[in-house]
Amino acid sequence: MSSPRPLHVGLTGGIGSGKSTLAQIWAAMGTALVDADAISRTLTASGGAAVGHIAEQFGQQFISANGAMDRSAMRQHIVTHPEAKQQLEALLHPLIQQTSAEQAAMAVEQGHQVIVFDIPLLVESKHWAQRLDLVVVVDCDVPTQIERVTARSGWSLETIHSILKTQAPRSERLSHADIVVMNGSACTLPQLQCQAQQIAGWFGL
């Protein structure tokens, strides 16, 4: 695929879908990677640009002793106060958008032909569509998502289900997909890599 500018690929999938693994496979093949989750973590880390705003909006009790946003406390707060999710997103999204645009501009200067935007809430957010040429959805059955997240994080089922409820259902994500990568329980890492390589060929890599 050719374009007067680098191809802008949106990559999304539910928690535990393997989206980040696919993003890293493509990055190893030479794509630029703009990771919205990583940007968010930087913004909410100690000294991050969003920390002061979070303290002002939600209170100092959501800032940990090391000066970062207390992610566990915020996660639990959102479970019991659903409106807090929209408030936090309204605070973070403009900063994420700005940083992602800066990283994309740097990728252009470096000569990358494909920029992958790893965006967990691509479907839920309405800010990305106009910036993307196509959307790749990593699809995974919910039981496998839960199994993977439990294994890697040790979170309770209640916490995992509360996160799943904040994310778009599979059917909605799939309705936005130009390309679907199947990464359910039967998909091995070599099979995921094979799918990644095939799609990378379509990208012109």
C-alpha atoms as a PDB file:
ATOM      1  CA  MET A   1       0.000   0.000   0.000  1.00  0.00           C
ATOM      2  CA  SER A   2       1.375   3.423  -0.894  1.00  0.00           C
ATOM      3  CA  SER A   3       0.498   6.860   0.364  1.00  0.00           C
ATOM      4  CA  PRO A   4       1.978  10.384   0.106  1.00  0.00           C
ATOM      5  CA  ARG A   5       2.455  10.167   3.842  1.00  0.00           C
ATOM      6  CA  PRO A   6       3.125   7.177   6.103  1.00  0.00           C
ATOM      7  CA  LEU A   7       0.248   4.752   6.453  1.00  0.00           C
ATOM      8  CA  HIS A   8      -1.591   5.446   9.715  1.00  0.00           C
ATOM      9  CA  VAL A   9      -2.810   2.156  11.206  1.00  0.00           C
ATOM     10  CA  GLY A  10      -5.068   2.073  14.246  1.00  0.00           C
ATOM     11  CA  LEU A  11      -4.614  -1.045  16.352  1.00  0.00           C
ATOM     12  CA  THR A  12      -7.093  -1.971  19.052  1.00  0.00           C
ATOM     13  CA  GLY A  13      -8.503  -4.877  21.014  1.00  0.00           C
ATOM     14  CA  GLY A  14      -9.937  -5.683  24.410  1.00  0.00           C
ATOM     15  CA  ILE A  15      -7.826  -6.218  27.491  1.00  0.00           C
ATOM     16  CA  GLY A  16      -5.911  -9.490  27.250  1.00  0.00           C
ATOM     17  CA  SER A  17      -6.465  -9.773  23.501  1.00  0.00           C
ATOM     18  CA  GLY A  18      -2.757  -9.732  22.642  1.00  0.00           C
ATOM     19  CA  LYS A  19      -2.887  -6.330  20.968  1.00  0.00           C
ATOM     20  CA  SER A  20       0.355  -5.146  22.525  1.00  0.00           C
ATOM     21  CA  THR A  21       2.127  -8.329  21.465  1.00  0.00           C
ATOM     22  CA  LEU A  22       1.069  -7.714  17.863  1.00  0.00           C
ATOM     23  CA  ALA A  23       2.208  -4.086  18.111  1.00  0.00           C
ATOM     24  CA  GLN A  24       5.667  -5.198  19.235  1.00  0.00           C
ATOM     25  CA  ILE A  25       5.895  -7.730  16.398  1.00  0.00           C
ATOM     26  CA  TRP A  26       5.204  -4.978  13.877  1.00  0.00           C
ATOM     27  CA  ALA A  27       7.621  -2.596  15.585  1.00  0.00           C
ATOM     28  CA  ALA A  28      10.329  -5.247  15.200  1.00  0.00           C
ATOM     29  CA  MET A  29       9.510  -5.313  11.478  1.00  0.00           C
ATOM     30  CA  GLY A  30      10.179  -1.592  11.184  1.00  0.00           C
ATOM     31  CA  THR A  31       6.905   0.203  11.824  1.00  0.00           C
ATOM     32  CA  ALA A  32       6.828   3.238  14.063  1.00  0.00           C
ATOM     33  CA  LEU A  33       4.754   2.618  17.177  1.00  0.00           C
ATOM     34  CA  VAL A  34       2.699   5.223  18.992  1.00  0.00           C
ATOM     35  CA  ASP A  35       1.436   3.544  22.166  1.00  0.00           C
ATOM     36  CA  ALA A  36      -1.446   5.457  23.751  1.00  0.00           C
ATOM     37  CA  ASP A  37      -1.294   3.336  26.913  1.00  0.00           C
ATOM     38  CA  ALA A  38       2.421   4.010  27.342  1.00  0.00           C
ATOM     39  CA  ILE A  39       1.807   7.723  26.828  1.00  0.00           C
ATOM     40  CA  SER A  40      -0.956   7.630  29.444  1.00  0.00           C
ATOM     41  CA  ARG A  41       1.346   5.899  31.930  1.00  0.00           C
ATOM     42  CA  THR A  42       4.025   8.540  31.354  1.00  0.00           C
ATOM     43  CA  LEU A  43       1.532  11.353  31.837  1.00  0.00           C
ATOM     44  CA  THR A  44       0.310   9.862  35.130  1.00  0.00           C
ATOM     45  CA  ALA A  45       3.738   8.807  36.451  1.00  0.00           C
ATOM     46  CA  SER A  46       5.670  10.812  39.016  1.00  0.00           C
ATOM     47  CA  GLY A  47       6.363  14.187  37.444  1.00  0.00           C
ATOM     48  CA  GLY A  48       3.928  13.497  34.616  1.00  0.00           C
ATOM     49  CA  ALA A  49       2.044  16.366  33.007  1.00  0.00           C
ATOM     50  CA  ALA A  50      -1.353  15.060  34.144  1.00  0.00           C
ATOM     51  CA  VAL A  51      -0.613  14.444  37.833  1.00  0.00           C
ATOM     52  CA  GLY A  52      -1.353  17.962  39.043  1.00  0.00           C
ATOM     53  CA  HIS A  53      -4.617  18.057  37.095  1.00  0.00           C
ATOM     54  CA  ILE A  54      -5.639  14.685  38.554  1.00  0.00           C
ATOM     55  CA  ALA A  55      -4.963  15.889  42.105  1.00  0.00           C
ATOM     56  CA  GLU A  56      -7.008  19.026  41.450  1.00  0.00           C
ATOM     57  CA  GLN A  57      -9.898  17.125  39.829  1.00  0.00           C
ATOM     58  CA  PHE A  58     -10.102  14.071  42.086  1.00  0.00           C
ATOM     59  CA  GLY A  59      -8.169  14.893  45.236  1.00  0.00           C
ATOM     60  CA  GLN A  60      -4.737  14.209  46.677  1.00  0.00           C
ATOM     61  CA  GLN A  61      -5.870  10.756  47.836  1.00  0.00           C
ATOM     62  CA  PHE A  62      -5.490   9.559  44.230  1.00  0.00           C
ATOM     63  CA  ILE A  63      -1.805  10.491  44.167  1.00  0.00           C
ATOM     64  CA  SER A  64       0.585   7.921  45.608  1.00  0.00           C
ATOM     65  CA  ALA A  65       3.502   8.680  47.938  1.00  0.00           C
ATOM     66  CA  ASN A  66       5.920   8.722  44.982  1.00  0.00           C
ATOM     67  CA  GLY A  67       3.909  11.422  43.214  1.00  0.00           C
ATOM     68  CA  ALA A  68       2.216   9.265  40.567  1.00  0.00           C
ATOM     69  CA  MET A  69      -1.481   8.637  40.054  1.00  0.00           C
ATOM     70  CA  ASP A  70      -2.561   5.738  42.268  1.00  0.00           C
ATOM     71  CA  ARG A  71      -3.861   3.501  39.495  1.00  0.00           C
ATOM     72  CA  SER A  72      -5.381   0.935  41.845  1.00  0.00           C
ATOM     73  CA  ALA A  73      -7.270   3.594  43.793  1.00  0.00           C
ATOM     74  CA  MET A  74      -8.479   5.232  40.592  1.00  0.00           C
ATOM     75  CA  ARG A  75      -9.557   1.861  39.162  1.00  0.00           C
ATOM     76  CA  GLN A  76     -11.646   1.130  42.253  1.00  0.00           C
ATOM     77  CA  HIS A  77     -13.076   4.655  42.256  1.00  0.00           C
ATOM     78  CA  ILE A  78     -14.247   4.246  38.671  1.00  0.00           C
ATOM     79  CA  VAL A  79     -15.979   0.969  39.580  1.00  0.00           C
ATOM     80  CA  THR A  80     -18.146   2.754  42.157  1.00  0.00           C
ATOM     81  CA  HIS A  81     -18.329   6.126  40.366  1.00  0.00           C
ATOM     82  CA  PRO A  82     -18.751   5.458  36.619  1.00  0.00           C
ATOM     83  CA  GLU A  83     -18.809   9.166  35.830  1.00  0.00           C
ATOM     84  CA  ALA A  84     -15.188   9.375  37.015  1.00  0.00           C
ATOM     85  CA  LYS A  85     -14.077   7.448  33.918  1.00  0.00           C
ATOM     86  CA  GLN A  86     -15.392  10.196  31.631  1.00  0.00           C
ATOM     87  CA  GLN A  87     -13.835  12.861  33.849  1.00  0.00           C
ATOM     88  CA  LEU A  88     -10.425  11.170  33.758  1.00  0.00           C
ATOM     89  CA  GLU A  89     -10.608  10.626  30.004  1.00  0.00           C
ATOM     90  CA  ALA A  90     -11.579  14.258  29.433  1.00  0.00           C
ATOM     91  CA  LEU A  91      -8.435  15.219  31.316  1.00  0.00           C
ATOM     92  CA  LEU A  92      -6.062  12.709  29.724  1.00  0.00           C
ATOM     93  CA  HIS A  93      -7.229  12.452  26.113  1.00  0.00           C
ATOM     94  CA  PRO A  94      -6.147  15.927  24.950  1.00  0.00           C
ATOM     95  CA  LEU A  95      -2.680  15.301  26.422  1.00  0.00           C
ATOM     96  CA  ILE A  96      -2.500  11.856  24.827  1.00  0.00           C
ATOM     97  CA  GLN A  97      -3.583  13.302  21.482  1.00  0.00           C
ATOM     98  CA  GLN A  98      -0.916  16.007  21.664  1.00  0.00           C
ATOM     99  CA  THR A  99       1.872  13.585  22.579  1.00  0.00           C
ATOM    100  CA  SER A 100       0.810  11.034  19.974  1.00  0.00           C
ATOM    101  CA  ALA A 101       0.851  13.745  17.291  1.00  0.00           C
ATOM    102  CA  GLU A 102       4.371  14.740  18.352  1.00  0.00           C
ATOM    103  CA  GLN A 103       5.549  11.112  18.210  1.00  0.00           C
ATOM    104  CA  ALA A 104       3.925  10.617  14.793  1.00  0.00           C
ATOM    105  CA  ALA A 105       5.633  13.742  13.463  1.00  0.00           C
ATOM    106  CA  MET A 106       8.965  12.406  14.715  1.00  0.00           C
ATOM    107  CA  ALA A 107       8.285   9.081  12.946  1.00  0.00           C
ATOM    108  CA  VAL A 108       7.685  10.970   9.701  1.00  0.00           C
ATOM    109  CA  GLU A 109      10.997  12.807  10.112  1.00  0.00           C
ATOM    110  CA  GLN A 110      12.713   9.450  10.669  1.00  0.00           C
ATOM    111  CA  GLY A 111      11.326   8.163   7.377  1.00  0.00           C
ATOM    112  CA  HIS A 112       8.932   5.489   8.625  1.00  0.00           C
ATOM    113  CA  GLN A 113       6.475   4.276   6.002  1.00  0.00           C
ATOM    114  CA  VAL A 114       3.960   2.847   8.507  1.00  0.00           C
ATOM    115  CA  ILE A 115       2.900   4.282  11.861  1.00  0.00           C
ATOM    116  CA  VAL A 116       0.931   1.951  14.143  1.00  0.00           C
ATOM    117  CA  PHE A 117      -1.208   3.691  16.747  1.00  0.00           C
ATOM    118  CA  ASP A 118      -1.803   1.221  19.585  1.00  0.00           C
ATOM    119  CA  ILE A 119      -5.054   2.530  21.075  1.00  0.00           C
ATOM    120  CA  PRO A 120      -6.926   0.411  23.655  1.00  0.00           C
ATOM    121  CA  LEU A 121     -10.011   2.648  23.546  1.00  0.00           C
ATOM    122  CA  LEU A 122      -9.968   3.445  19.834  1.00  0.00           C
ATOM    123  CA  VAL A 123     -13.618   2.459  19.348  1.00  0.00           C
ATOM    124  CA  GLU A 124     -14.761   4.086  22.570  1.00  0.00           C
ATOM    125  CA  SER A 125     -13.019   7.371  21.722  1.00  0.00           C
ATOM    126  CA  LYS A 126     -14.303   9.523  18.878  1.00  0.00           C
ATOM    127  CA  HIS A 127     -11.032  11.408  18.414  1.00  0.00           C
ATOM    128  CA  TRP A 128      -9.040   8.982  16.275  1.00  0.00           C
ATOM    129  CA  ALA A 129     -11.074   8.111  13.175  1.00  0.00           C
ATOM    130  CA  GLN A 130     -10.018  11.146  11.142  1.00  0.00           C
ATOM    131  CA  ARG A 131      -6.328  10.431  11.792  1.00  0.00           C
ATOM    132  CA  LEU A 132      -6.301   6.784  10.682  1.00  0.00           C
ATOM    133  CA  ASP A 133      -6.193   5.127   7.272  1.00  0.00           C
ATOM    134  CA  LEU A 134      -7.441   1.769   8.543  1.00  0.00           C
ATOM    135  CA  VAL A 135      -8.235  -0.076  11.759  1.00  0.00           C
ATOM    136  CA  VAL A 136      -6.899  -3.469  12.828  1.00  0.00           C
ATOM    137  CA  VAL A 137      -8.822  -5.252  15.578  1.00  0.00           C
ATOM    138  CA  VAL A 138      -7.263  -8.093  17.558  1.00  0.00           C
ATOM    139  CA  ASP A 139     -10.188 -10.363  18.378  1.00  0.00           C
ATOM    140  CA  CYS A 140     -10.305 -12.734  21.321  1.00  0.00           C
ATOM    141  CA  ASP A 141     -13.045 -14.575  23.193  1.00  0.00           C
ATOM    142  CA  VAL A 142     -13.880 -13.183  26.626  1.00  0.00           C
ATOM    143  CA  PRO A 143     -12.951 -16.311  28.660  1.00  0.00           C
ATOM    144  CA  THR A 144      -9.462 -16.209  27.137  1.00  0.00           C
ATOM    145  CA  GLN A 145      -9.168 -12.493  27.893  1.00  0.00           C
ATOM    146  CA  ILE A 146     -10.012 -13.180  31.533  1.00  0.00           C
ATOM    147  CA  GLU A 147      -7.573 -16.089  31.728  1.00  0.00           C
ATOM    148  CA  ARG A 148      -4.706 -14.024  30.279  1.00  0.00           C
ATOM    149  CA  VAL A 149      -5.322 -10.980  32.465  1.00  0.00           C
ATOM    150  CA  THR A 150      -5.608 -13.116  35.592  1.00  0.00           C
ATOM    151  CA  ALA A 151      -2.333 -14.860  34.777  1.00  0.00           C
ATOM    152  CA  ARG A 152      -0.367 -11.676  34.139  1.00  0.00           C
ATOM    153  CA  SER A 153      -1.859  -9.312  36.725  1.00  0.00           C
ATOM    154  CA  GLY A 154      -3.363 -11.400  39.502  1.00  0.00           C
ATOM    155  CA  TRP A 155      -6.398  -9.104  39.548  1.00  0.00           C
ATOM    156  CA  SER A 156      -9.674 -10.367  40.964  1.00  0.00           C
ATOM    157  CA  LEU A 157     -12.445 -11.461  38.608  1.00  0.00           C
ATOM    158  CA  GLU A 158     -14.492  -8.530  39.881  1.00  0.00           C
ATOM    159  CA  THR A 159     -11.809  -6.070  38.804  1.00  0.00           C
ATOM    160  CA  ILE A 160     -11.383  -7.702  35.396  1.00  0.00           C
ATOM    161  CA  HIS A 161     -15.130  -7.738  34.743  1.00  0.00           C
ATOM    162  CA  SER A 162     -15.373  -4.078  35.768  1.00  0.00           C
ATOM    163  CA  ILE A 163     -12.698  -3.213  33.187  1.00  0.00           C
ATOM    164  CA  LEU A 164     -14.416  -5.293  30.502  1.00  0.00           C
ATOM    165  CA  LYS A 165     -17.627  -3.358  31.148  1.00  0.00           C
ATOM    166  CA  THR A 166     -15.833  -0.085  30.355  1.00  0.00           C
ATOM    167  CA  GLN A 167     -14.629  -1.424  26.995  1.00  0.00           C
ATOM    168  CA  ALA A 168     -16.655  -1.792  23.824  1.00  0.00           C
ATOM    169  CA  PRO A 169     -18.116  -5.268  23.262  1.00  0.00           C
ATOM    170  CA  ARG A 170     -16.483  -7.516  20.663  1.00  0.00           C
ATOM    171  CA  SER A 171     -19.282  -6.932  18.172  1.00  0.00           C
ATOM    172  CA  GLU A 172     -18.803  -3.162  18.279  1.00  0.00           C
ATOM    173  CA  ARG A 173     -15.029  -3.400  17.874  1.00  0.00           C
ATOM    174  CA  LEU A 174     -15.421  -5.794  14.947  1.00  0.00           C
ATOM    175  CA  SER A 175     -17.869  -3.422  13.261  1.00  0.00           C
ATOM    176  CA  HIS A 176     -15.054  -0.827  13.076  1.00  0.00           C
ATOM    177  CA  ALA A 177     -12.423  -3.246  11.749  1.00  0.00           C
ATOM    178  CA  ASP A 178     -10.851  -3.084   8.316  1.00  0.00           C
ATOM    179  CA  ILE A 179      -8.667  -6.076   9.254  1.00  0.00           C
ATOM    180  CA  VAL A 180      -9.315  -8.641  11.999  1.00  0.00           C
ATOM    181  CA  VAL A 181      -6.514 -10.623  13.649  1.00  0.00           C
ATOM    182  CA  MET A 182      -7.778 -13.737  15.394  1.00  0.00           C
ATOM    183  CA  ASN A 183      -5.906 -14.348  18.649  1.00  0.00           C
ATOM    184  CA  GLY A 184      -8.134 -16.577  20.718  1.00  0.00           C
ATOM    185  CA  SER A 185      -7.110 -19.477  22.915  1.00  0.00           C
ATOM    186  CA  ALA A 186      -6.223 -21.678  19.930  1.00  0.00           C
ATOM    187  CA  CYS A 187      -3.802 -19.126  18.427  1.00  0.00           C
ATOM    188  CA  THR A 188      -0.139 -19.738  19.193  1.00  0.00           C
ATOM    189  CA  LEU A 189       2.548 -17.055  19.124  1.00  0.00           C
ATOM    190  CA  PRO A 190       3.980 -18.400  15.836  1.00  0.00           C
ATOM    191  CA  GLN A 191       0.494 -18.241  14.317  1.00  0.00           C
ATOM    192  CA  LEU A 192       0.075 -14.661  15.527  1.00  0.00           C
ATOM    193  CA  GLN A 193       3.463 -13.808  14.022  1.00  0.00           C
ATOM    194  CA  CYS A 194       2.372 -15.378  10.738  1.00  0.00           C
ATOM    195  CA  GLN A 195      -0.765 -13.210  10.649  1.00  0.00           C
ATOM    196  CA  ALA A 196       1.353 -10.165  11.491  1.00  0.00           C
ATOM    197  CA  GLN A 197       3.758 -10.876   8.641  1.00  0.00           C
ATOM    198  CA  GLN A 198       0.943 -11.329   6.130  1.00  0.00           C
ATOM    199  CA  ILE A 199      -0.672  -8.035   7.102  1.00  0.00           C
ATOM    200  CA  ALA A 200       2.708  -6.281   7.118  1.00  0.00           C
ATOM    201  CA  GLY A 201       3.035  -7.355   3.497  1.00  0.00           C
ATOM    202  CA  TRP A 202      -0.226  -5.596   2.734  1.00  0.00           C
ATOM    203  CA  PHE A 203       1.240  -2.503   4.422  1.00  0.00           C
ATOM    204  CA  GLY A 204       4.171  -2.664   2.014  1.00  0.00           C
ATOM    205  CA  LEU A 205       6.760  -3.776   4.549  1.00  0.00           C
END
